[in-house]
């Protein structure tokens, strides 16, 4: 009831969700609720009245008991460029692999100016990725 009052006072409109009508049901299946709501201000809704949203896929805890599930998720997560945090982790790993390869060339005495320049660029990229990690850690510490 308090949440519904807040929605009214804030002049928020609920955007219809595609997918299932309910996002939670009691084990007896007698009680069903819609826990996920997508709310938008009336002003923004006036700009485009055709907004819609989809309910998220379900995640079941027993899936973690399946052999190889976590590895599959980790690999898929790492390959997904949309997720900025995970993308940063993957980029950093790739930079370190590139740096390792360049250092092998340098250790063999085959370092040309372009190799040394590329090494400096990769080190700069690693430092930038670590800066993002540090900013995120500082933000999490505030929460």
N, C-alpha and C. Protein backbone atom coordinates (compact mmCIF):
# COMPACT_ATOMS: atom_id res chain seq x y z
N UNK A 1 0.83 -1.19 0.00
CA UNK A 1 0.00 0.00 0.00
C UNK A 1 0.87 1.26 0.00
N UNK A 2 1.93 1.28 0.82
CA UNK A 2 2.82 2.43 0.87
C UNK A 2 3.54 2.62 -0.47
N UNK A 3 3.91 1.52 -1.09
CA UNK A 3 4.58 1.60 -2.38
C UNK A 3 3.65 2.18 -3.44
N UNK A 4 2.40 1.75 -3.43
CA UNK A 4 1.43 2.28 -4.39
C UNK A 4 1.19 3.78 -4.16
N UNK A 5 1.18 4.21 -2.89
CA UNK A 5 1.04 5.64 -2.60
C UNK A 5 2.23 6.42 -3.15
N UNK A 6 3.42 5.86 -2.96
CA UNK A 6 4.63 6.50 -3.49
C UNK A 6 4.54 6.66 -5.00
N UNK A 7 4.09 5.63 -5.69
CA UNK A 7 3.95 5.68 -7.15
C UNK A 7 3.00 6.81 -7.55
N UNK A 8 1.89 6.93 -6.85
CA UNK A 8 0.93 8.00 -7.15
C UNK A 8 1.51 9.38 -6.87
N UNK A 9 2.16 9.54 -5.72
CA UNK A 9 2.72 10.84 -5.34
C UNK A 9 3.85 11.26 -6.28
N UNK A 10 4.61 10.31 -6.79
CA UNK A 10 5.73 10.63 -7.68
C UNK A 10 5.29 10.75 -9.14
N UNK A 11 4.00 10.59 -9.38
CA UNK A 11 3.46 10.65 -10.74
C UNK A 11 4.16 9.66 -11.68
N UNK A 12 4.34 8.46 -11.20
CA UNK A 12 4.97 7.42 -12.02
C UNK A 12 3.89 6.57 -12.68
N UNK A 13 4.19 6.10 -13.86
CA UNK A 13 3.29 5.23 -14.59
C UNK A 13 3.96 3.87 -14.75
N UNK A 14 3.19 2.83 -14.59
CA UNK A 14 3.73 1.49 -14.76
C UNK A 14 3.72 1.13 -16.24
N UNK A 15 4.85 0.67 -16.72
CA UNK A 15 4.99 0.24 -18.11
C UNK A 15 4.60 -1.23 -18.17
N UNK A 16 3.77 -1.61 -19.12
CA UNK A 16 3.37 -3.03 -19.20
C UNK A 16 4.57 -3.92 -19.49
N UNK A 17 4.64 -5.01 -18.76
CA UNK A 17 5.71 -5.98 -18.95
C UNK A 17 5.24 -7.09 -19.87
N UNK A 18 6.07 -7.42 -20.83
CA UNK A 18 5.78 -8.58 -21.66
C UNK A 18 6.15 -9.83 -20.89
N UNK A 19 5.76 -10.96 -21.34
CA UNK A 19 6.08 -12.21 -20.67
C UNK A 19 4.98 -12.60 -19.71
N UNK A 20 5.37 -13.19 -18.60
CA UNK A 20 4.40 -13.73 -17.63
C UNK A 20 3.63 -12.61 -16.93
N UNK A 21 2.40 -12.93 -16.55
CA UNK A 21 1.58 -11.96 -15.82
C UNK A 21 2.05 -11.80 -14.39
N UNK A 22 2.60 -12.87 -13.80
CA UNK A 22 3.05 -12.84 -12.42
C UNK A 22 4.51 -13.26 -12.36
N UNK A 23 5.26 -12.67 -11.42
CA UNK A 23 6.67 -13.00 -11.31
C UNK A 23 6.98 -13.84 -10.07
N UNK A 24 5.98 -14.10 -9.25
CA UNK A 24 6.17 -14.92 -8.06
C UNK A 24 4.87 -15.64 -7.77
N UNK A 25 4.99 -16.88 -7.33
CA UNK A 25 3.79 -17.57 -6.85
C UNK A 25 4.16 -18.43 -5.65
N UNK A 26 3.21 -18.52 -4.72
CA UNK A 26 3.39 -19.34 -3.53
C UNK A 26 3.48 -20.79 -3.96
N UNK A 27 4.14 -21.60 -3.15
CA UNK A 27 4.33 -23.01 -3.50
C UNK A 27 3.01 -23.73 -3.74
N UNK A 28 1.96 -23.27 -3.08
CA UNK A 28 0.64 -23.88 -3.29
C UNK A 28 -0.01 -23.41 -4.59
N UNK A 29 0.60 -22.41 -5.22
CA UNK A 29 0.10 -21.81 -6.47
C UNK A 29 -1.25 -21.12 -6.28
N UNK A 30 -1.62 -20.84 -5.03
CA UNK A 30 -2.87 -20.13 -4.77
C UNK A 30 -2.65 -18.62 -4.70
N UNK A 31 -1.42 -18.20 -4.38
CA UNK A 31 -1.11 -16.78 -4.28
C UNK A 31 -0.09 -16.44 -5.37
N UNK A 32 -0.42 -15.44 -6.16
CA UNK A 32 0.49 -14.99 -7.21
C UNK A 32 0.68 -13.49 -7.08
N UNK A 33 1.89 -13.02 -7.36
CA UNK A 33 2.19 -11.60 -7.25
C UNK A 33 3.04 -11.15 -8.43
N UNK A 34 2.97 -9.87 -8.69
CA UNK A 34 3.84 -9.27 -9.69
C UNK A 34 4.86 -8.43 -8.92
N UNK A 35 6.05 -8.99 -8.71
CA UNK A 35 7.07 -8.32 -7.92
C UNK A 35 7.89 -7.34 -8.76
N UNK A 36 8.08 -7.67 -10.02
CA UNK A 36 8.87 -6.81 -10.90
C UNK A 36 7.97 -5.75 -11.51
N UNK A 37 8.36 -4.49 -11.35
CA UNK A 37 7.60 -3.41 -11.94
C UNK A 37 8.57 -2.47 -12.64
N UNK A 38 8.15 -1.94 -13.74
CA UNK A 38 8.95 -1.00 -14.52
C UNK A 38 8.19 0.31 -14.51
N UNK A 39 8.73 1.31 -13.82
CA UNK A 39 8.03 2.58 -13.63
C UNK A 39 8.74 3.70 -14.39
N UNK A 40 7.95 4.64 -14.88
CA UNK A 40 8.50 5.74 -15.65
C UNK A 40 7.70 7.00 -15.32
N UNK A 41 8.38 8.16 -15.38
CA UNK A 41 7.68 9.41 -15.10
C UNK A 41 6.69 9.70 -16.23
N UNK A 42 5.63 10.42 -15.88
CA UNK A 42 4.62 10.76 -16.87
C UNK A 42 5.21 11.59 -18.01
N UNK A 43 6.17 12.47 -17.67
CA UNK A 43 6.79 13.32 -18.70
C UNK A 43 7.53 12.50 -19.74
N UNK A 44 8.29 11.54 -19.29
CA UNK A 44 9.03 10.70 -20.22
C UNK A 44 8.09 9.81 -21.02
N UNK A 45 7.05 9.36 -20.37
CA UNK A 45 6.06 8.54 -21.07
C UNK A 45 5.34 9.35 -22.14
N UNK A 46 5.19 10.66 -21.90
CA UNK A 46 4.57 11.52 -22.90
C UNK A 46 5.41 11.66 -24.16
N UNK A 47 6.73 11.57 -24.02
CA UNK A 47 7.63 11.65 -25.17
C UNK A 47 7.44 10.45 -26.08
N UNK A 48 7.32 9.28 -25.48
CA UNK A 48 7.10 8.05 -26.26
C UNK A 48 6.11 7.17 -25.52
N UNK A 49 4.85 7.24 -25.87
CA UNK A 49 3.83 6.46 -25.15
C UNK A 49 3.86 4.97 -25.45
N UNK A 50 4.74 4.53 -26.33
CA UNK A 50 4.77 3.12 -26.73
C UNK A 50 5.87 2.32 -26.04
N UNK A 51 6.34 2.79 -24.89
CA UNK A 51 7.36 2.04 -24.16
C UNK A 51 6.80 0.70 -23.71
N UNK A 52 7.65 -0.28 -23.68
CA UNK A 52 7.28 -1.59 -23.11
C UNK A 52 8.55 -2.22 -22.55
N UNK A 53 8.40 -3.25 -21.76
CA UNK A 53 9.54 -3.93 -21.16
C UNK A 53 9.26 -5.42 -21.11
N UNK A 54 10.31 -6.19 -21.01
CA UNK A 54 10.18 -7.64 -20.88
C UNK A 54 10.59 -8.07 -19.48
N UNK A 55 9.94 -9.09 -18.96
CA UNK A 55 10.37 -9.63 -17.67
C UNK A 55 11.68 -10.36 -17.88
N UNK A 56 12.50 -10.37 -16.86
CA UNK A 56 13.79 -11.04 -16.94
C UNK A 56 13.64 -12.55 -16.90
N UNK A 57 14.62 -13.22 -17.48
CA UNK A 57 14.63 -14.68 -17.40
C UNK A 57 14.79 -15.11 -15.96
N UNK A 58 14.29 -16.28 -15.66
CA UNK A 58 14.41 -16.81 -14.30
C UNK A 58 15.79 -17.43 -14.10
N UNK A 59 16.23 -17.42 -12.85
CA UNK A 59 17.50 -18.03 -12.48
C UNK A 59 17.20 -18.98 -11.33
N UNK A 60 17.51 -20.24 -11.50
CA UNK A 60 17.25 -21.24 -10.47
C UNK A 60 18.54 -21.62 -9.77
N UNK A 61 18.50 -21.66 -8.44
CA UNK A 61 19.70 -21.96 -7.68
C UNK A 61 20.24 -23.35 -7.95
N UNK A 62 19.39 -24.31 -8.25
CA UNK A 62 19.87 -25.67 -8.48
C UNK A 62 20.77 -25.75 -9.71
N UNK A 63 20.69 -24.77 -10.60
CA UNK A 63 21.55 -24.78 -11.78
C UNK A 63 23.02 -24.79 -11.39
N UNK A 64 23.35 -24.19 -10.24
CA UNK A 64 24.74 -24.15 -9.79
C UNK A 64 25.25 -25.53 -9.38
N UNK A 65 24.34 -26.46 -9.17
CA UNK A 65 24.72 -27.84 -8.85
C UNK A 65 25.10 -28.64 -10.09
N UNK A 66 24.77 -28.15 -11.27
CA UNK A 66 25.06 -28.85 -12.52
C UNK A 66 26.53 -28.66 -12.87
N UNK A 67 27.21 -29.77 -13.15
CA UNK A 67 28.63 -29.71 -13.51
C UNK A 67 28.86 -28.82 -14.73
N UNK A 68 29.80 -27.90 -14.61
CA UNK A 68 30.17 -27.04 -15.72
C UNK A 68 29.32 -25.79 -15.88
N UNK A 69 28.27 -25.65 -15.06
CA UNK A 69 27.38 -24.50 -15.21
C UNK A 69 28.10 -23.18 -14.93
N UNK A 70 28.82 -23.12 -13.81
CA UNK A 70 29.49 -21.87 -13.45
C UNK A 70 30.54 -21.49 -14.48
N UNK A 71 31.27 -22.49 -15.00
CA UNK A 71 32.28 -22.21 -16.02
C UNK A 71 31.63 -21.67 -17.29
N UNK A 72 30.49 -22.26 -17.66
CA UNK A 72 29.78 -21.81 -18.85
C UNK A 72 29.33 -20.35 -18.69
N UNK A 73 28.78 -20.03 -17.51
CA UNK A 73 28.32 -18.66 -17.25
C UNK A 73 29.51 -17.70 -17.26
N UNK A 74 30.61 -18.09 -16.61
CA UNK A 74 31.80 -17.23 -16.57
C UNK A 74 32.31 -16.94 -17.98
N UNK A 75 32.36 -17.97 -18.80
CA UNK A 75 32.85 -17.79 -20.17
C UNK A 75 31.91 -16.89 -20.96
N UNK A 76 30.62 -17.14 -20.86
CA UNK A 76 29.64 -16.32 -21.59
C UNK A 76 29.68 -14.87 -21.10
N UNK A 77 29.81 -14.68 -19.80
CA UNK A 77 29.86 -13.34 -19.20
C UNK A 77 31.08 -12.59 -19.71
N UNK A 78 32.20 -13.30 -19.77
CA UNK A 78 33.45 -12.68 -20.20
C UNK A 78 33.39 -12.28 -21.68
N UNK A 79 32.69 -13.05 -22.49
CA UNK A 79 32.61 -12.78 -23.92
C UNK A 79 31.57 -11.72 -24.26
N UNK A 80 30.76 -11.32 -23.30
CA UNK A 80 29.70 -10.36 -23.55
C UNK A 80 30.24 -8.94 -23.39
N UNK A 81 30.37 -8.17 -24.49
CA UNK A 81 30.95 -6.83 -24.40
C UNK A 81 30.01 -5.80 -23.78
N UNK A 82 28.76 -6.15 -23.58
CA UNK A 82 27.78 -5.19 -23.06
C UNK A 82 28.00 -4.92 -21.58
N UNK A 83 28.45 -5.91 -20.85
CA UNK A 83 28.61 -5.79 -19.40
C UNK A 83 29.94 -5.12 -19.11
N UNK A 84 29.90 -3.85 -18.77
CA UNK A 84 31.11 -3.05 -18.65
C UNK A 84 32.07 -3.59 -17.60
N UNK A 85 31.58 -3.96 -16.44
CA UNK A 85 32.47 -4.42 -15.38
C UNK A 85 33.20 -5.68 -15.81
N UNK A 86 32.48 -6.66 -16.29
CA UNK A 86 33.11 -7.90 -16.70
C UNK A 86 33.97 -7.67 -17.93
N UNK A 87 33.52 -6.79 -18.79
CA UNK A 87 34.29 -6.47 -19.99
C UNK A 87 35.65 -5.91 -19.58
N UNK A 88 35.68 -5.08 -18.56
CA UNK A 88 36.93 -4.51 -18.07
C UNK A 88 37.87 -5.61 -17.59
N UNK A 89 37.34 -6.58 -16.89
CA UNK A 89 38.14 -7.69 -16.39
C UNK A 89 38.75 -8.48 -17.56
N UNK A 90 37.94 -8.74 -18.57
CA UNK A 90 38.42 -9.48 -19.73
C UNK A 90 39.45 -8.68 -20.51
N UNK A 91 39.21 -7.38 -20.65
CA UNK A 91 40.18 -6.53 -21.34
C UNK A 91 41.52 -6.56 -20.62
N UNK A 92 41.46 -6.45 -19.29
CA UNK A 92 42.70 -6.44 -18.51
C UNK A 92 43.46 -7.75 -18.70
N UNK A 93 42.74 -8.86 -18.69
CA UNK A 93 43.37 -10.16 -18.91
C UNK A 93 44.03 -10.22 -20.29
N UNK A 94 43.32 -9.72 -21.30
CA UNK A 94 43.87 -9.72 -22.67
C UNK A 94 45.10 -8.82 -22.77
N UNK A 95 45.05 -7.65 -22.11
CA UNK A 95 46.20 -6.75 -22.11
C UNK A 95 47.42 -7.43 -21.48
N UNK A 96 47.19 -8.13 -20.37
CA UNK A 96 48.30 -8.80 -19.69
C UNK A 96 48.88 -9.92 -20.54
N UNK A 97 48.02 -10.62 -21.27
CA UNK A 97 48.52 -11.66 -22.18
C UNK A 97 49.35 -11.04 -23.30
N UNK A 98 48.87 -9.92 -23.85
CA UNK A 98 49.63 -9.22 -24.90
C UNK A 98 50.96 -8.72 -24.36
N UNK A 99 50.94 -8.18 -23.15
CA UNK A 99 52.17 -7.69 -22.53
C UNK A 99 53.16 -8.82 -22.33
N UNK A 100 52.68 -9.97 -21.89
CA UNK A 100 53.54 -11.13 -21.69
C UNK A 100 54.21 -11.53 -23.01
N UNK A 101 53.42 -11.57 -24.09
CA UNK A 101 53.96 -11.92 -25.41
C UNK A 101 55.03 -10.92 -25.85
N UNK A 102 54.78 -9.63 -25.63
CA UNK A 102 55.76 -8.62 -26.01
C UNK A 102 57.03 -8.73 -25.19
N UNK A 103 56.88 -9.04 -23.90
CA UNK A 103 58.06 -9.16 -23.05
C UNK A 103 58.92 -10.36 -23.44
N UNK A 104 58.31 -11.39 -23.98
CA UNK A 104 59.09 -12.53 -24.50
C UNK A 104 59.95 -12.06 -25.67
N UNK A 105 59.35 -11.28 -26.57
CA UNK A 105 60.09 -10.75 -27.73
C UNK A 105 61.22 -9.85 -27.26
N UNK A 106 60.92 -8.99 -26.28
CA UNK A 106 61.94 -8.07 -25.75
C UNK A 106 63.07 -8.85 -25.09
N UNK A 107 62.74 -9.88 -24.30
CA UNK A 107 63.76 -10.69 -23.62
C UNK A 107 64.66 -11.42 -24.61
N UNK A 108 64.14 -11.71 -25.79
CA UNK A 108 64.94 -12.39 -26.81
C UNK A 108 65.85 -11.41 -27.55
N UNK A 109 65.74 -10.12 -27.21
CA UNK A 109 66.58 -9.11 -27.83
C UNK A 109 66.07 -8.63 -29.17
N UNK A 110 64.81 -8.88 -29.45
CA UNK A 110 64.23 -8.48 -30.74
C UNK A 110 63.32 -7.26 -30.61
N UNK A 111 63.66 -6.36 -29.71
CA UNK A 111 62.79 -5.21 -29.45
C UNK A 111 63.08 -4.08 -30.42
N UNK A 112 62.12 -3.80 -31.26
CA UNK A 112 62.18 -2.65 -32.16
C UNK A 112 61.39 -1.53 -31.49
N UNK A 113 61.51 -0.33 -32.02
CA UNK A 113 60.81 0.81 -31.44
C UNK A 113 59.30 0.59 -31.39
N UNK A 114 58.74 -0.02 -32.44
CA UNK A 114 57.29 -0.23 -32.45
C UNK A 114 56.86 -1.21 -31.36
N UNK A 115 57.70 -2.19 -31.04
CA UNK A 115 57.40 -3.15 -29.97
C UNK A 115 57.42 -2.43 -28.62
N UNK A 116 58.44 -1.59 -28.41
CA UNK A 116 58.54 -0.86 -27.15
C UNK A 116 57.38 0.12 -26.99
N UNK A 117 57.00 0.77 -28.08
CA UNK A 117 55.86 1.69 -28.04
C UNK A 117 54.58 0.93 -27.70
N UNK A 118 54.38 -0.22 -28.34
CA UNK A 118 53.19 -1.03 -28.09
C UNK A 118 53.17 -1.47 -26.62
N UNK A 119 54.33 -1.83 -26.07
CA UNK A 119 54.42 -2.23 -24.66
C UNK A 119 53.97 -1.08 -23.75
N UNK A 120 54.44 0.14 -24.05
CA UNK A 120 54.04 1.30 -23.24
C UNK A 120 52.52 1.52 -23.32
N UNK A 121 51.96 1.36 -24.51
CA UNK A 121 50.52 1.53 -24.69
C UNK A 121 49.73 0.49 -23.88
N UNK A 122 50.20 -0.74 -23.90
CA UNK A 122 49.51 -1.81 -23.16
C UNK A 122 49.59 -1.56 -21.66
N UNK A 123 50.76 -1.12 -21.19
CA UNK A 123 50.90 -0.80 -19.76
C UNK A 123 49.93 0.32 -19.38
N UNK A 124 49.81 1.31 -20.24
CA UNK A 124 48.85 2.41 -20.00
C UNK A 124 47.42 1.87 -19.95
N UNK A 125 47.08 0.96 -20.86
CA UNK A 125 45.74 0.37 -20.88
C UNK A 125 45.47 -0.43 -19.61
N UNK A 126 46.46 -1.17 -19.14
CA UNK A 126 46.31 -1.94 -17.90
C UNK A 126 46.08 -0.99 -16.73
N UNK A 127 46.84 0.10 -16.68
CA UNK A 127 46.68 1.07 -15.59
C UNK A 127 45.30 1.71 -15.62
N UNK A 128 44.79 2.00 -16.81
CA UNK A 128 43.44 2.55 -16.93
C UNK A 128 42.39 1.56 -16.44
N UNK A 129 42.55 0.29 -16.79
CA UNK A 129 41.61 -0.74 -16.34
C UNK A 129 41.67 -0.89 -14.83
N UNK A 130 42.87 -0.82 -14.26
CA UNK A 130 43.01 -0.92 -12.80
C UNK A 130 42.41 0.30 -12.12
N UNK A 131 42.51 1.46 -12.76
CA UNK A 131 41.90 2.67 -12.21
C UNK A 131 40.38 2.49 -12.11
N UNK A 132 39.78 1.91 -13.15
CA UNK A 132 38.34 1.64 -13.13
C UNK A 132 38.01 0.69 -11.98
N UNK A 133 38.83 -0.36 -11.81
CA UNK A 133 38.61 -1.31 -10.70
C UNK A 133 38.68 -0.60 -9.36
N UNK A 134 39.66 0.28 -9.19
CA UNK A 134 39.82 1.01 -7.93
C UNK A 134 38.65 1.95 -7.66
N UNK A 135 38.17 2.62 -8.71
CA UNK A 135 37.01 3.49 -8.54
C UNK A 135 35.78 2.69 -8.14
N UNK A 136 35.62 1.52 -8.74
CA UNK A 136 34.48 0.67 -8.38
C UNK A 136 34.59 0.18 -6.94
N UNK A 137 35.80 -0.21 -6.53
CA UNK A 137 36.00 -0.68 -5.16
C UNK A 137 35.71 0.44 -4.16
N UNK A 138 36.13 1.66 -4.49
CA UNK A 138 35.87 2.80 -3.61
C UNK A 138 34.37 3.07 -3.52
N UNK A 139 33.67 2.94 -4.64
CA UNK A 139 32.22 3.15 -4.64
C UNK A 139 31.53 2.09 -3.79
N UNK A 140 31.96 0.83 -3.93
CA UNK A 140 31.35 -0.25 -3.15
C UNK A 140 31.61 -0.06 -1.66
N UNK A 141 32.76 0.50 -1.31
CA UNK A 141 33.08 0.72 0.10
C UNK A 141 32.15 1.75 0.72
N UNK A 142 31.61 2.65 -0.09
CA UNK A 142 30.69 3.68 0.41
C UNK A 142 29.30 3.13 0.67
N UNK A 143 28.96 2.02 0.02
CA UNK A 143 27.61 1.47 0.12
C UNK A 143 27.38 0.78 1.42
